[in-house]
Protein backbone atom coordinates (compact mmCIF):
# COMPACT_ATOMS: atom_id res chain seq x y z
CA MET A 1 -76.46 22.75 92.57
CA GLU A 2 -79.24 24.82 91.42
CA ARG A 3 -80.31 24.61 87.81
CA GLN A 4 -79.34 27.81 86.82
CA GLU A 5 -75.87 27.49 88.06
CA ILE A 6 -75.67 24.03 86.22
CA LEU A 7 -76.56 26.10 83.08
CA ASN A 8 -74.05 28.83 83.76
CA CYS A 9 -71.42 25.98 84.13
CA ILE A 10 -72.15 24.48 81.14
CA GLU A 11 -72.06 27.64 79.29
CA ILE A 12 -68.69 28.66 80.78
CA GLN A 13 -67.48 25.00 79.74
CA LYS A 14 -68.20 25.77 75.95
CA LYS A 15 -66.56 28.78 76.03
CA ASN A 16 -63.42 28.52 77.93
CA ASN A 17 -62.18 25.32 76.50
CA ALA A 18 -59.83 25.02 79.61
CA LEU A 19 -58.23 21.91 78.75
CA LEU A 20 -57.20 22.64 75.45
CA ASP A 21 -53.61 22.42 76.26
CA TYR A 22 -52.36 18.79 76.59
CA LYS A 23 -49.60 19.88 79.37
CA LYS A 24 -52.70 21.36 81.79
CA ARG A 25 -54.46 17.94 80.91
CA ILE A 26 -51.22 16.14 82.19
CA LYS A 27 -51.05 18.51 85.21
CA VAL A 28 -54.77 18.01 86.47
CA LEU A 29 -54.69 14.31 86.18
CA LYS A 30 -51.82 13.84 88.18
CA LYS A 31 -53.67 16.27 90.90
CA LEU A 32 -56.59 14.00 90.67
CA TYR A 33 -54.66 10.75 91.11
CA ASN A 34 -52.99 12.45 94.33
CA ASN A 35 -56.33 13.66 95.51
CA ILE A 36 -57.71 9.95 95.13
CA LEU A 37 -54.98 8.67 97.29
CA LEU A 38 -55.77 11.32 99.65
CA LEU A 39 -59.48 10.55 99.61
CA LYS A 40 -58.97 6.95 99.48
CA ASN A 41 -60.26 5.74 102.91
CA ASP A 42 -63.49 7.87 102.38
CA ILE A 43 -64.01 6.07 99.12
CA TYR A 44 -63.55 2.77 100.65
CA ARG A 45 -66.12 3.59 103.34
CA ALA A 46 -68.36 5.07 100.82
CA LEU A 47 -68.47 1.98 98.93
CA LYS A 48 -69.08 -0.33 101.82
CA ALA A 49 -71.95 1.58 103.08
CA ASP A 50 -73.42 1.73 99.44
CA LEU A 51 -72.83 -1.97 98.55
CA ASN A 52 -70.72 -3.39 101.59
CA LYS A 53 -67.82 -3.58 99.33
CA SER A 54 -64.80 -4.87 101.43
CA GLU A 55 -61.70 -2.48 101.07
CA ILE A 56 -59.53 -4.95 98.74
CA GLU A 57 -62.81 -5.22 96.55
CA SER A 58 -62.88 -1.47 96.42
CA GLN A 59 -59.31 -1.18 95.73
CA THR A 60 -59.25 -4.06 92.90
CA THR A 61 -62.58 -3.02 91.08
CA GLU A 62 -62.68 0.65 91.36
CA VAL A 63 -60.06 2.91 92.95
CA GLY A 64 -57.14 0.80 91.39
CA MET A 65 -58.60 0.62 87.93
CA VAL A 66 -59.12 4.52 88.01
CA LEU A 67 -55.29 4.98 88.98
CA SER A 68 -54.15 2.80 86.65
CA GLU A 69 -56.28 4.60 83.61
CA ILE A 70 -54.99 7.72 85.10
CA SER A 71 -51.39 6.46 84.89
CA TYR A 72 -51.68 5.02 81.29
CA MET A 73 -53.26 8.31 80.11
CA ILE A 74 -50.15 10.59 81.58
CA LYS A 75 -47.76 8.66 80.02
CA HIS A 76 -49.73 8.66 76.34
CA ILE A 77 -51.44 11.98 76.02
CA LYS A 78 -48.75 13.78 74.48
CA LYS A 79 -48.28 11.21 71.57
CA PHE A 80 -52.62 10.92 71.51
CA SER A 81 -52.84 14.64 70.98
CA ARG A 82 -50.28 15.04 68.10
CA PRO A 83 -51.35 15.80 64.93
CA LYS A 84 -50.81 13.09 62.41
CA ASN A 85 -49.22 13.48 59.25
CA VAL A 86 -51.20 10.62 57.06
CA GLY A 87 -49.92 11.39 53.67
CA GLY A 88 -51.60 12.20 50.66
CA SER A 89 -52.10 10.96 46.61
CA LEU A 90 -50.53 12.53 43.54
CA ILE A 91 -54.27 13.98 43.08
CA HIS A 92 -53.15 16.42 45.92
CA PHE A 93 -49.87 17.23 44.82
CA PRO A 94 -48.52 19.31 46.36
CA SER A 95 -49.75 19.28 49.60
CA LYS A 96 -49.67 17.28 53.20
CA SER A 97 -52.41 15.63 54.93
CA TRP A 98 -53.31 15.71 58.51
CA SER A 99 -55.13 14.33 61.22
CA ILE A 100 -55.75 16.60 63.95
CA PRO A 101 -57.01 15.24 67.25
CA CYS A 102 -59.37 17.66 68.57
CA PRO A 103 -62.09 17.64 71.96
CA TYR A 104 -65.77 17.62 71.48
CA GLY A 105 -66.13 20.22 73.88
CA CYS A 106 -68.64 20.02 76.87
CA VAL A 107 -69.31 16.38 77.60
CA LEU A 108 -72.10 14.90 79.59
CA ILE A 109 -71.22 11.47 81.62
CA MET A 110 -73.65 9.54 83.30
CA SER A 111 -72.86 6.57 85.41
CA PRO A 112 -74.36 3.92 87.26
CA TRP A 113 -74.53 2.76 91.03
CA ASN A 114 -72.99 -0.97 91.06
CA TYR A 115 -69.28 0.58 90.34
CA PRO A 116 -69.99 3.96 91.20
CA PHE A 117 -66.54 5.17 91.57
CA MET A 118 -65.04 3.24 88.78
CA LEU A 119 -67.75 3.76 86.01
CA SER A 120 -67.70 7.57 87.28
CA LEU A 121 -63.97 8.15 86.85
CA ASP A 122 -62.81 6.01 84.30
CA PRO A 123 -64.66 7.75 81.37
CA LEU A 124 -64.20 11.30 83.49
CA VAL A 125 -60.22 10.38 82.95
CA ASP A 126 -60.54 9.49 79.30
CA ALA A 127 -62.75 12.57 78.32
CA ILE A 128 -60.18 14.91 80.30
CA SER A 129 -57.41 13.10 78.34
CA ALA A 130 -58.79 14.19 75.28
CA GLY A 131 -59.22 17.93 76.51
CA ASN A 132 -63.03 17.98 77.10
CA SER A 133 -64.71 19.69 80.28
CA VAL A 134 -67.31 17.41 81.81
CA VAL A 135 -70.54 17.55 83.49
CA LEU A 136 -70.82 14.43 85.74
CA LYS A 137 -73.96 12.64 86.73
CA PRO A 138 -73.55 9.85 89.38
CA SER A 139 -76.52 7.57 90.55
CA ARG A 140 -78.82 8.70 93.20
CA TYR A 141 -78.50 4.97 94.50
CA SER A 142 -75.06 5.19 95.45
CA SER A 143 -75.09 8.34 97.18
CA ASN A 144 -72.22 7.92 99.51
CA THR A 145 -69.97 7.56 96.82
CA THR A 146 -71.56 10.41 94.82
CA ASN A 147 -70.77 12.55 97.95
CA VAL A 148 -66.99 11.52 97.89
CA ILE A 149 -66.79 12.15 93.90
CA GLN A 150 -68.16 15.70 94.81
CA LYS A 151 -65.53 16.24 97.11
CA LEU A 152 -62.85 15.12 94.95
CA VAL A 153 -63.83 16.93 91.88
CA GLU A 154 -64.31 19.96 93.82
CA MET A 155 -60.66 19.34 95.48
CA THR A 156 -59.38 18.88 91.80
CA PHE A 157 -61.04 21.03 89.21
CA GLU A 158 -62.30 24.09 88.53
CA LYS A 159 -65.96 24.69 87.28
CA ASP A 160 -64.90 25.53 83.88
CA GLU A 161 -63.15 21.84 83.62
CA VAL A 162 -65.51 19.54 85.38
CA ILE A 163 -68.54 19.99 87.74
CA VAL A 164 -70.75 17.16 89.51
CA VAL A 165 -74.77 17.21 89.39
CA SER A 166 -76.27 14.95 91.91
CA GLY A 167 -79.92 13.81 92.03
CA GLY A 168 -82.26 11.32 90.30
CA ARG A 169 -84.51 11.02 87.61
CA GLU A 170 -85.56 14.98 87.34
CA GLU A 171 -81.73 15.74 87.12
CA ASN A 172 -81.21 13.42 84.42
CA ALA A 173 -84.24 14.72 82.41
CA PHE A 174 -82.92 18.31 82.82
CA LEU A 175 -79.47 17.33 81.73
CA LEU A 176 -80.97 15.63 78.79
CA GLU A 177 -82.41 18.69 77.45
CA GLN A 178 -79.22 20.64 77.03
CA ASP A 179 -77.06 20.86 74.28
CA PHE A 180 -74.17 19.04 75.07
CA ASP A 181 -71.20 18.12 72.48
CA TYR A 182 -71.09 14.26 73.55
CA ILE A 183 -72.79 12.57 75.98
CA PHE A 184 -71.22 9.09 77.44
CA TYR A 185 -74.06 6.94 79.21
CA THR A 186 -73.47 3.67 81.39
CA GLY A 187 -76.66 1.97 82.74
CA SER A 188 -79.78 0.13 81.67
CA THR A 189 -80.90 -0.54 77.93
CA ALA A 190 -84.11 1.25 78.97
CA VAL A 191 -82.56 4.34 79.86
CA GLY A 192 -79.88 4.06 77.07
CA LYS A 193 -82.77 4.49 74.71
CA LEU A 194 -84.05 7.40 76.12
CA VAL A 195 -80.56 8.82 76.24
CA MET A 196 -79.84 8.13 72.56
CA GLN A 197 -83.38 9.45 71.53
CA LYS A 198 -82.81 12.80 73.34
CA ALA A 199 -79.39 12.89 72.07
CA SER A 200 -80.75 12.54 68.35
CA GLU A 201 -82.65 15.61 68.57
CA LYS A 202 -79.73 17.80 68.99
CA PHE A 203 -77.58 15.42 66.55
CA THR A 204 -75.29 14.90 69.63
CA PRO A 205 -72.83 11.76 69.08
CA VAL A 206 -73.15 9.25 72.26
CA THR A 207 -71.33 6.39 73.73
CA LEU A 208 -73.69 3.57 75.24
CA GLU A 209 -72.42 1.13 77.71
CA MET A 210 -75.21 -0.98 79.06
CA GLY A 211 -75.58 -4.72 79.63
CA GLY A 212 -77.48 -7.91 78.79
CA LYS A 213 -77.42 -11.61 79.30
CA SER A 214 -73.79 -12.49 79.07
CA PRO A 215 -73.45 -16.13 78.74
CA CYS A 216 -70.62 -18.42 79.88
CA ILE A 217 -70.33 -21.23 77.40
CA VAL A 218 -68.31 -24.43 79.03
CA ASP A 219 -67.87 -27.41 76.76
CA LYS A 220 -66.74 -30.96 77.80
CA THR A 221 -63.10 -30.23 77.02
CA ALA A 222 -62.81 -27.61 79.77
CA ASN A 223 -60.87 -27.68 83.12
CA ILE A 224 -63.73 -28.09 85.25
CA PRO A 225 -62.14 -27.25 88.28
CA LEU A 226 -60.54 -24.21 87.06
CA SER A 227 -63.59 -23.11 85.11
CA ALA A 228 -65.68 -23.28 87.99
CA ARG A 229 -63.17 -21.11 90.01
CA ARG A 230 -63.21 -18.34 87.55
CA ILE A 231 -66.84 -18.44 87.00
CA VAL A 232 -67.68 -18.19 90.73
CA PHE A 233 -65.05 -14.94 90.83
CA GLY A 234 -66.67 -13.50 87.74
CA LYS A 235 -70.35 -14.20 88.78
CA PHE A 236 -70.59 -13.30 92.60
CA LEU A 237 -68.19 -10.21 92.39
CA ASN A 238 -70.06 -7.44 93.82
CA CYS A 239 -72.99 -9.48 94.66
CA GLY A 240 -73.49 -10.43 91.06
CA GLN A 241 -73.87 -6.85 89.99
CA THR A 242 -71.59 -6.29 87.30
CA CYS A 243 -72.62 -5.43 83.67
CA VAL A 244 -70.22 -8.02 82.48
CA ALA A 245 -70.70 -10.85 85.10
CA PRO A 246 -71.56 -14.03 83.56
CA ASP A 247 -75.32 -14.06 83.42
CA PHE A 248 -75.84 -17.76 83.05
CA VAL A 249 -73.89 -21.15 82.64
CA TYR A 250 -74.60 -22.75 79.29
CA CYS A 251 -72.78 -26.04 79.39
CA ASP A 252 -72.54 -29.23 77.62
CA LYS A 253 -75.06 -31.84 78.81
CA SER A 254 -72.58 -34.04 79.75
CA ILE A 255 -70.55 -32.48 82.11
CA LYS A 256 -73.35 -30.65 83.93
CA ASP A 257 -73.17 -32.50 87.24
CA ARG A 258 -69.60 -32.35 87.43
CA LEU A 259 -69.66 -28.59 86.83
CA VAL A 260 -72.40 -27.76 89.37
CA GLU A 261 -70.44 -29.73 92.05
CA GLU A 262 -67.28 -27.69 91.36
CA LEU A 263 -69.01 -24.37 91.53
CA LYS A 264 -70.67 -25.39 94.93
CA LYS A 265 -67.08 -26.02 95.99
CA GLN A 266 -65.71 -22.97 94.57
CA ILE A 267 -68.68 -20.70 96.46
CA THR A 268 -67.73 -22.26 99.93
CA ILE A 269 -63.86 -21.68 99.44
CA GLN A 270 -64.27 -17.95 98.07
CA TYR A 271 -67.07 -16.77 100.26
CA THR A 272 -66.68 -19.41 103.36
CA ASP A 273 -69.60 -21.80 104.56
CA ASP A 274 -71.76 -19.07 105.64
CA GLN A 275 -71.99 -16.54 102.78
CA LEU A 276 -74.51 -14.44 104.28
CA ALA A 277 -72.63 -13.63 107.47
CA ASN A 278 -69.70 -13.25 105.64
CA GLU A 279 -68.32 -9.32 106.19
CA ASP A 280 -66.69 -9.08 102.90
CA TYR A 281 -69.61 -10.39 100.61
CA PRO A 282 -71.59 -7.10 99.02
CA LYS A 283 -75.20 -6.51 99.42
CA MET A 284 -77.77 -5.88 97.11
CA ILE A 285 -77.92 -1.82 96.37
CA ASN A 286 -81.32 -1.48 97.60
CA GLN A 287 -84.89 -2.97 98.61
CA LYS A 288 -86.07 -2.46 94.69
CA HIS A 289 -83.42 -4.80 93.36
CA PHE A 290 -83.25 -7.14 96.41
CA ASP A 291 -86.84 -7.91 95.70
CA MET A 292 -86.45 -8.37 91.91
CA VAL A 293 -83.45 -10.70 92.13
CA ARG A 294 -85.37 -12.56 94.86
CA SER A 295 -88.19 -13.14 92.78
CA TYR A 296 -86.06 -15.34 90.54
CA ILE A 297 -85.46 -18.03 93.47
CA ASP A 298 -87.46 -20.89 92.78
CA LYS A 299 -86.87 -23.19 95.68
CA ASP A 300 -87.93 -26.23 93.56
CA ARG A 301 -84.73 -25.44 91.28
CA VAL A 302 -82.14 -24.63 93.53
CA LEU A 303 -79.06 -26.37 93.24
CA PHE A 304 -76.98 -24.21 96.07
CA GLY A 305 -78.04 -21.52 97.94
CA GLY A 306 -81.17 -19.79 97.91
CA ASN A 307 -81.18 -17.99 101.34
CA VAL A 308 -81.42 -14.24 102.10
CA ASP A 309 -81.09 -11.66 104.78
CA GLU A 310 -83.37 -9.26 104.08
CA GLU A 311 -82.11 -6.68 106.79
CA LYS A 312 -78.93 -6.71 105.31
CA LEU A 313 -80.03 -7.02 101.39
CA LYS A 314 -78.16 -9.83 101.03
CA ILE A 315 -78.73 -12.82 98.73
CA GLN A 316 -76.59 -16.06 99.13
CA PRO A 317 -74.64 -17.13 96.01
CA THR A 318 -77.22 -19.30 94.55
CA ILE A 319 -77.15 -21.50 91.51
CA LEU A 320 -80.55 -22.50 89.83
CA ASP A 321 -81.61 -25.55 87.35
CA SER A 322 -82.84 -23.50 84.53
CA ASP A 323 -84.07 -23.22 81.00
CA PHE A 324 -84.57 -20.58 78.34
CA ASP A 325 -88.36 -20.35 79.15
CA ARG A 326 -87.79 -19.20 82.93
CA LEU A 327 -88.27 -15.79 84.36
CA GLU A 328 -84.55 -15.65 85.25
CA MET A 329 -83.93 -16.15 81.54
CA SER A 330 -86.06 -13.20 80.20
CA GLN A 331 -83.90 -10.57 81.19
CA GLU A 332 -80.46 -9.89 82.84
CA VAL A 333 -80.45 -11.19 86.31
CA PHE A 334 -77.66 -8.78 87.67
CA GLY A 335 -77.73 -10.27 91.10
CA PRO A 336 -76.07 -13.33 92.32
CA ILE A 337 -78.43 -15.96 91.17
CA LEU A 338 -76.41 -18.26 88.46
CA PRO A 339 -78.59 -20.33 85.99
CA ILE A 340 -77.68 -23.51 84.63
CA VAL A 341 -78.78 -24.43 80.91
CA THR A 342 -77.56 -27.04 78.82
CA PHE A 343 -76.78 -28.02 75.25
CA ASP A 344 -76.43 -30.90 73.31
CA ASN A 345 -73.78 -29.68 70.80
CA LEU A 346 -71.66 -26.56 70.20
CA ASP A 347 -73.55 -25.47 67.04
CA GLU A 348 -76.74 -25.84 68.98
CA ALA A 349 -75.10 -23.11 71.59
CA ILE A 350 -73.75 -20.87 69.33
CA ALA A 351 -77.13 -20.47 67.49
CA LYS A 352 -78.64 -20.00 70.69
CA VAL A 353 -76.50 -17.13 72.00
CA ASN A 354 -76.84 -15.66 68.26
CA SER A 355 -80.77 -15.68 68.59
CA MET A 356 -80.73 -13.71 71.60
CA SER A 357 -80.20 -9.95 72.49
CA THR A 358 -76.47 -9.18 71.81
CA PRO A 359 -74.37 -9.47 74.99
CA LEU A 360 -71.88 -7.21 76.58
CA ALA A 361 -69.62 -10.29 77.18
CA LEU A 362 -69.33 -13.58 76.33
CA TYR A 363 -67.07 -16.39 78.02
CA TYR A 364 -65.83 -19.97 76.67
CA PHE A 365 -64.31 -22.39 78.36
CA SER A 366 -62.96 -24.73 76.38
CA GLU A 367 -59.44 -26.65 75.70
CA ASP A 368 -60.14 -27.34 72.16
CA LYS A 369 -58.38 -24.85 70.01
CA ASP A 370 -61.00 -25.09 66.79
CA SER A 371 -63.97 -24.73 68.96
CA GLN A 372 -62.45 -21.45 70.45
CA SER A 373 -61.89 -20.03 67.25
CA LYS A 374 -65.34 -20.99 66.12
CA VAL A 375 -67.10 -19.20 68.96
CA LYS A 376 -64.92 -15.97 68.88
CA THR A 377 -65.68 -15.80 64.92
CA TYR A 378 -69.33 -17.10 64.89
CA CYS A 379 -70.92 -15.55 68.27
CA LYS A 380 -71.87 -11.68 68.24
CA PHE A 381 -70.73 -10.07 71.74
CA GLY A 382 -69.01 -7.08 73.12
CA GLY A 383 -65.79 -8.36 74.23
CA GLY A 384 -65.03 -11.26 76.51
CA CYS A 385 -62.47 -14.08 77.60
CA ILE A 386 -61.59 -17.67 76.76
CA ASN A 387 -61.00 -19.58 79.90
CA ASP A 388 -61.72 -16.61 82.26
CA THR A 389 -64.34 -13.92 82.82
CA ILE A 390 -64.43 -10.49 83.22
CA MET A 391 -60.68 -9.95 83.25
CA HIS A 392 -61.14 -8.20 79.60
CA ILE A 393 -62.11 -5.00 81.17
CA ALA A 394 -59.25 -4.74 83.23
CA SER A 395 -56.85 -3.29 80.76
CA SER A 396 -56.02 0.08 79.16
CA THR A 397 -54.85 -1.46 75.82
CA LEU A 398 -58.31 -2.95 75.16
CA PRO A 399 -61.29 -1.27 74.04
CA PHE A 400 -64.18 -2.15 76.19
CA GLY A 401 -67.99 -1.68 74.60
CA GLY A 402 -71.04 -3.51 73.59
CA LEU A 403 -72.60 -4.21 70.58
CA LYS A 404 -76.21 -3.32 69.29
CA HIS A 405 -78.41 -4.08 72.59
CA SER A 406 -75.50 -4.04 74.83
CA GLY A 407 -74.15 -0.62 73.56
CA MET A 408 -72.33 1.29 71.11
CA GLY A 409 -68.64 2.86 71.22
CA ALA A 410 -65.72 1.73 73.62
CA TYR A 411 -63.35 3.25 75.84
CA HIS A 412 -60.38 2.61 78.12
CA GLY A 413 -56.82 3.63 77.25
CA LYS A 414 -56.40 4.95 73.33
CA ALA A 415 -59.85 3.84 72.62
CA GLY A 416 -61.23 5.89 75.59
CA PHE A 417 -59.48 9.07 74.12
CA ASP A 418 -60.64 8.57 70.71
CA THR A 419 -64.06 8.16 71.96
CA PHE A 420 -63.83 11.83 73.22
CA THR A 421 -62.01 13.09 70.47
CA HIS A 422 -63.17 14.68 66.83
CA TYR A 423 -60.59 14.23 64.50
CA LYS A 424 -60.42 16.71 62.00
CA SER A 425 -59.18 16.15 58.28
CA ILE A 426 -56.89 18.83 56.94
CA ILE A 427 -55.14 18.98 53.49
CA ASP A 428 -52.71 21.70 53.19
CA LYS A 429 -52.37 22.71 49.92
CA LYS A 430 -49.23 24.48 48.89
CA THR A 431 -49.52 27.73 46.30
CA TRP A 432 -46.28 27.03 44.48
CA PHE A 433 -47.59 24.96 41.90
CA ASP A 434 -51.44 24.71 40.81
CA MET A 435 -52.15 21.38 39.11
CA PRO A 436 -54.42 22.43 36.20
CA THR A 437 -55.94 19.04 35.20
CA ARG A 438 -59.15 19.39 37.66
CA TYR A 439 -60.21 22.61 36.07
CA GLN A 440 -62.64 23.19 33.22
CA PRO A 441 -62.78 23.29 30.28
CA TYR A 442 -62.11 19.60 30.34
CA ASN A 443 -60.40 17.71 27.36
CA ASP A 444 -58.98 14.24 26.49
CA ALA A 445 -55.57 14.95 27.68
CA LYS A 446 -57.06 16.19 31.18
CA TYR A 447 -59.52 13.01 31.39
CA LYS A 448 -56.42 10.63 30.69
CA LEU A 449 -54.53 12.31 33.33
CA ILE A 450 -57.28 12.40 35.80
CA LYS A 451 -57.81 8.16 35.23
CA PHE A 452 -54.28 7.87 35.89
CA PHE A 453 -53.91 9.68 39.07
CA MET A 454 -57.71 8.44 40.43
CA LYS A 455 -56.99 4.39 40.29
């Protein structure tokens, strides 16, 4: 799409407010749902080409999650879109007070490459549900999926509802110069800073969904075999290219050896003895990211794995003996490398986690209820699980989002509707009576009444 055409579409979207009627939103979401089913094999093939995802993983982590979000919104849009009578106070008598949900308008959604379908369509569904029009900018790295998304959008929406803009950094920079009513960004912290800076120039509200070093704390009371099973699932899903993947294991020193043995066992159970030959094991998105993640592998500290297939851009699930001074602990790994770090007591672990940049997720494996409560209360993080990994994102009833370094704002379900909605506060004042108390000239009687009403 040429730049002038993009500008024309943005202008039309702002002017037309095509999805103000909630009934039309439901209609287009049903159409989107059906078109996803029609194109699902194309989506599977695109995800296979971009990330070597199997059909089952593509359905579970991408297509299925989008379909679930659409279904949830179709059921709830009518209720979410109603004006709400919020009650009033005596000082406003006689009146009614309302909170009226209204779409922001024309929204820019910038999505990443690691879950290119789900992380494009989920916020799109939420924005449409709230009545906005959308300019969707997927990542150029996942070009096959972007092409399918383009086809899907053109089958489903008019240009005054949704358009897709493809391309790389130049297109991102161009879009960020435009005057959108809201910006929703998912990706790296570095680009998130730029998005926020550009948005601030036009006072545009933003949601930033980023990442960080999400810790996986395992204490000595944990069920080690089950913990290992769930850690391996969450860490090596999508070849570790998941914003909420356990970035490192932080375990009690006394259980380290047992935990490592169970992690090794689970890798071979879930990914076979030859992980690099496993056709269902995804690959790194491109050579640049392959080289970056491979650079973390120090053969002298490898506890498991460490092999690569450069031609296929595959890195074996790898466990590294580590500490906080190592290269892989200096930034988010975003690949199938799992560093293992130990602590002597839980208070030490909590203090260390809170001294680091605020993570998008935190996972805690423990059978001790007091310790669980302590971690939930005192650790700072976006969201997470007790005795599991990543599953908190697979729910339309739980807000998903980061905190400080890992982002701001949340979405999924009602939280997603709220993110893309401005709530107008309205007092509907009646005309059959006018309370004289607020008007000058003031006197002692009025003052006493004011103090009575405003307490």
